[in-house]
Amino acid sequence: TILRCTARGDNISLVQEVPISKPCTAQAVDELVAAKDPTAMGAYYVDVQPCTGMLQSMLDKMKSINDSIMLALSEHGDVHLHVTGLNVMLASQIRDLKVYPPREGLQAPDRTAPAEQQLQDALDARSAVAVNLPIKHIARTLAAEAITQPSQLLFGIVDDQSLVHIMFVYRDASTDQMYDDSLSLGFMLPVQVD
């Protein structure tokens, strides 16, 4: 059995089909609500909007290796993607993206070192966070980005590292300098526990 959600607009029509099972008990619903904290925020967010095409291309290559991916975000504006499979490992680093809020007083990473070493140094210095999550979750988020075309796509990892918080930020159509607070789209992607 599936639940179909449909939204239609002037130029777009979205349909999402979600498999459903037997209803949850009231206690199970209360536990889910308590477990999901909608106010959870990351300490910082990396704007991946300039490289969404590259991210989608990398994810397309990585999903044939494994269905789980390691995502790491650093305060220096680096995004690391890492997937491993049987006798194969594929990793990608995107550097120098914008970080919100801006971080000051950070020691510059050694850009001459290999990407794996840069990530390990950032993790050791607690200036990066890494989590594992299903590739399909990130791929679907990037698919929504292609449809809605936000001016910023912010990735953050909440403080307890249980969720990846993704925020779509849109510009106000009436002015080119203001952000539209009346329009919001965001995702809280659960991480996989090893």
Protein backbone atom coordinates (compact mmCIF):
# COMPACT_ATOMS: atom_id res chain seq x y z
CA THR A 1 0.00 0.00 0.00
CA ILE A 2 1.24 3.46 -0.81
CA LEU A 3 0.38 7.01 0.16
CA ARG A 4 0.56 9.46 -2.73
CA CYS A 5 1.15 13.16 -2.01
CA THR A 6 0.61 15.56 -4.88
CA ALA A 7 1.33 19.27 -5.15
CA ARG A 8 0.55 21.32 -8.24
CA GLY A 9 1.53 24.82 -9.21
CA ASP A 10 1.52 26.96 -12.33
CA ASN A 11 4.71 25.48 -13.77
CA ILE A 12 5.34 22.42 -11.65
CA SER A 13 3.68 19.29 -10.42
CA LEU A 14 5.27 17.12 -7.71
CA VAL A 15 4.18 13.62 -6.79
CA GLN A 16 5.70 11.66 -3.92
CA GLU A 17 4.75 8.05 -3.27
CA VAL A 18 5.49 6.70 0.20
CA PRO A 19 5.03 3.05 1.16
CA ILE A 20 2.84 2.65 4.23
CA SER A 21 2.21 -0.19 6.64
CA LYS A 22 -0.11 -0.71 9.57
CA PRO A 23 -0.76 2.40 11.68
CA CYS A 24 1.54 3.23 14.57
CA THR A 25 0.26 3.12 18.11
CA ALA A 26 -0.20 6.41 19.96
CA GLN A 27 2.82 5.58 22.14
CA ALA A 28 4.99 4.91 19.06
CA VAL A 29 3.94 8.25 17.55
CA ASP A 30 4.79 10.05 20.81
CA GLU A 31 8.22 8.37 20.86
CA LEU A 32 8.88 9.44 17.25
CA VAL A 33 7.85 13.02 17.98
CA ALA A 34 10.05 13.12 21.07
CA ALA A 35 13.01 11.67 19.15
CA LYS A 36 12.78 14.22 16.34
CA ASP A 37 13.75 17.67 17.54
CA PRO A 38 12.59 20.14 14.86
CA THR A 39 14.66 22.90 16.43
CA ALA A 40 17.92 20.96 16.05
CA MET A 41 20.46 23.09 14.25
CA GLY A 42 24.01 22.59 13.18
CA ALA A 43 26.87 24.68 14.53
CA TYR A 44 27.63 25.74 10.95
CA TYR A 45 26.30 25.19 7.44
CA VAL A 46 28.18 24.77 4.16
CA ASP A 47 26.56 26.24 1.02
CA VAL A 48 26.79 23.51 -1.64
CA GLN A 49 24.65 25.37 -4.21
CA PRO A 50 27.63 26.24 -6.47
CA CYS A 51 28.57 22.56 -6.85
CA THR A 52 25.26 20.67 -6.94
CA GLY A 53 25.91 19.41 -10.48
CA MET A 54 29.26 18.00 -9.41
CA LEU A 55 27.72 16.44 -6.30
CA GLN A 56 24.97 14.78 -8.35
CA SER A 57 27.54 13.43 -10.79
CA MET A 58 29.66 12.00 -7.96
CA LEU A 59 26.64 10.43 -6.26
CA ASP A 60 25.64 8.77 -9.54
CA LYS A 61 29.08 7.15 -9.69
CA MET A 62 29.14 6.26 -6.00
CA LYS A 63 25.73 4.59 -5.80
CA SER A 64 26.98 1.67 -7.89
CA ILE A 65 29.62 0.94 -5.25
CA ASN A 66 27.52 1.07 -2.07
CA ASP A 67 24.17 2.44 -0.93
CA SER A 68 25.72 4.20 2.08
CA ILE A 69 28.01 7.21 1.95
CA MET A 70 30.20 9.08 4.42
CA LEU A 71 29.50 12.81 4.32
CA ALA A 72 31.91 15.16 6.08
CA LEU A 73 31.55 18.92 6.43
CA SER A 74 34.36 21.16 7.65
CA GLU A 75 34.38 24.67 9.06
CA HIS A 76 36.83 25.55 6.27
CA GLY A 77 34.06 25.03 3.68
CA ASP A 78 35.08 21.57 2.55
CA VAL A 79 32.65 18.78 1.70
CA HIS A 80 33.99 15.22 1.62
CA LEU A 81 32.10 12.27 0.14
CA HIS A 82 33.49 8.78 0.69
CA VAL A 83 32.06 5.41 -0.33
CA THR A 84 33.63 1.96 -0.01
CA GLY A 85 32.72 -1.36 -1.52
CA LEU A 86 34.30 -4.72 -2.12
CA ASN A 87 37.91 -3.96 -3.17
CA VAL A 88 37.06 -0.40 -4.17
CA MET A 89 36.95 3.03 -2.55
CA LEU A 90 35.86 6.30 -4.13
CA ALA A 91 36.18 9.69 -2.47
CA SER A 92 35.66 13.27 -3.47
CA GLN A 93 36.51 16.61 -1.87
CA ILE A 94 34.99 19.96 -2.77
CA ARG A 95 36.90 22.84 -1.22
CA ASP A 96 36.45 26.45 -0.19
CA LEU A 97 32.66 26.71 -0.18
CA LYS A 98 30.95 29.42 1.86
CA VAL A 99 30.26 28.62 5.51
CA TYR A 100 27.45 30.17 7.59
CA PRO A 101 27.90 31.68 10.07
CA PRO A 102 31.40 32.68 8.95
CA ARG A 103 34.13 31.05 11.04
CA GLU A 104 37.01 33.18 12.23
CA GLY A 105 40.33 32.31 13.77
CA LEU A 106 40.58 28.92 12.10
CA GLN A 107 43.97 27.55 11.21
CA ALA A 108 44.15 27.16 7.43
CA PRO A 109 44.24 23.53 6.29
CA ASP A 110 47.34 22.16 4.57
CA ARG A 111 46.13 22.15 0.95
CA THR A 112 49.28 20.33 -0.18
CA ALA A 113 48.26 17.24 1.81
CA PRO A 114 46.03 14.58 0.25
CA ALA A 115 42.28 15.04 0.76
CA GLU A 116 42.10 12.09 3.20
CA GLN A 117 44.80 13.67 5.36
CA GLN A 118 43.08 17.07 5.26
CA LEU A 119 39.85 15.44 6.44
CA GLN A 120 41.60 13.48 9.20
CA ASP A 121 43.40 16.63 10.39
CA ALA A 122 40.09 18.54 10.46
CA LEU A 123 38.38 15.70 12.37
CA ASP A 124 41.25 15.58 14.86
CA ALA A 125 41.04 19.36 15.34
CA ARG A 126 37.24 19.11 15.73
CA SER A 127 36.74 21.49 12.82
CA ALA A 128 34.89 18.85 10.78
CA VAL A 129 32.11 16.36 11.38
CA ALA A 130 31.52 13.12 9.47
CA VAL A 131 28.40 10.93 9.34
CA ASN A 132 27.13 8.01 7.28
CA LEU A 133 23.79 8.11 5.50
CA PRO A 134 22.03 6.52 2.52
CA ILE A 135 23.10 7.89 -0.85
CA LYS A 136 19.49 7.96 -2.01
CA HIS A 137 18.61 10.55 0.67
CA ILE A 138 21.18 13.04 -0.60
CA ALA A 139 20.34 12.24 -4.23
CA ARG A 140 16.64 12.96 -3.64
CA THR A 141 17.50 16.22 -1.92
CA LEU A 142 19.60 17.28 -4.89
CA ALA A 143 16.73 16.31 -7.20
CA ALA A 144 14.48 18.69 -5.24
CA GLU A 145 17.15 21.37 -5.62
CA ALA A 146 17.10 20.96 -9.40
CA ILE A 147 13.33 21.51 -9.43
CA THR A 148 13.05 24.38 -6.94
CA GLN A 149 16.34 26.19 -7.74
CA PRO A 150 17.17 27.85 -4.41
CA SER A 151 19.78 30.58 -4.23
CA GLN A 152 21.53 28.71 -1.41
CA LEU A 153 21.55 25.03 -0.41
CA LEU A 154 22.92 24.74 3.11
CA PHE A 155 24.17 21.44 4.55
CA GLY A 156 24.77 21.14 8.29
CA ILE A 157 25.12 18.32 10.79
CA VAL A 158 23.26 18.79 14.06
CA ASP A 159 25.33 18.89 17.23
CA ASP A 160 24.58 15.34 18.36
CA GLN A 161 25.41 14.01 14.84
CA SER A 162 22.05 12.25 14.53
CA LEU A 163 20.74 14.27 11.58
CA VAL A 164 21.96 16.07 8.49
CA HIS A 165 20.00 19.33 8.29
CA ILE A 166 19.52 20.66 4.77
CA MET A 167 17.99 24.09 4.21
CA PHE A 168 16.87 25.58 0.91
CA VAL A 169 17.15 29.39 0.89
CA TYR A 170 15.30 31.43 -1.73
CA ARG A 171 15.66 35.04 -2.84
CA ASP A 172 12.69 37.36 -2.67
CA ALA A 173 11.33 37.81 -6.19
CA SER A 174 10.47 41.46 -5.56
CA THR A 175 13.99 42.49 -4.56
CA ASP A 176 17.28 40.96 -5.55
CA GLN A 177 18.96 41.63 -2.22
CA MET A 178 16.57 40.13 0.33
CA TYR A 179 15.83 36.52 1.19
CA ASP A 180 12.26 35.30 1.16
CA ASP A 181 11.34 34.35 4.73
CA SER A 182 7.84 33.28 3.68
CA LEU A 183 9.16 30.37 1.60
CA SER A 184 11.05 27.54 3.24
CA LEU A 185 12.04 24.01 2.40
CA GLY A 186 14.25 21.80 4.48
CA PHE A 187 15.12 18.21 5.21
CA MET A 188 16.34 16.41 8.30
CA LEU A 189 18.09 13.27 7.06
CA PRO A 190 18.73 10.59 9.69
CA VAL A 191 22.26 9.25 9.83
CA GLN A 192 23.14 5.58 9.84
CA VAL A 193 24.60 4.17 13.02
CA ASP A 194 27.47 1.75 12.43
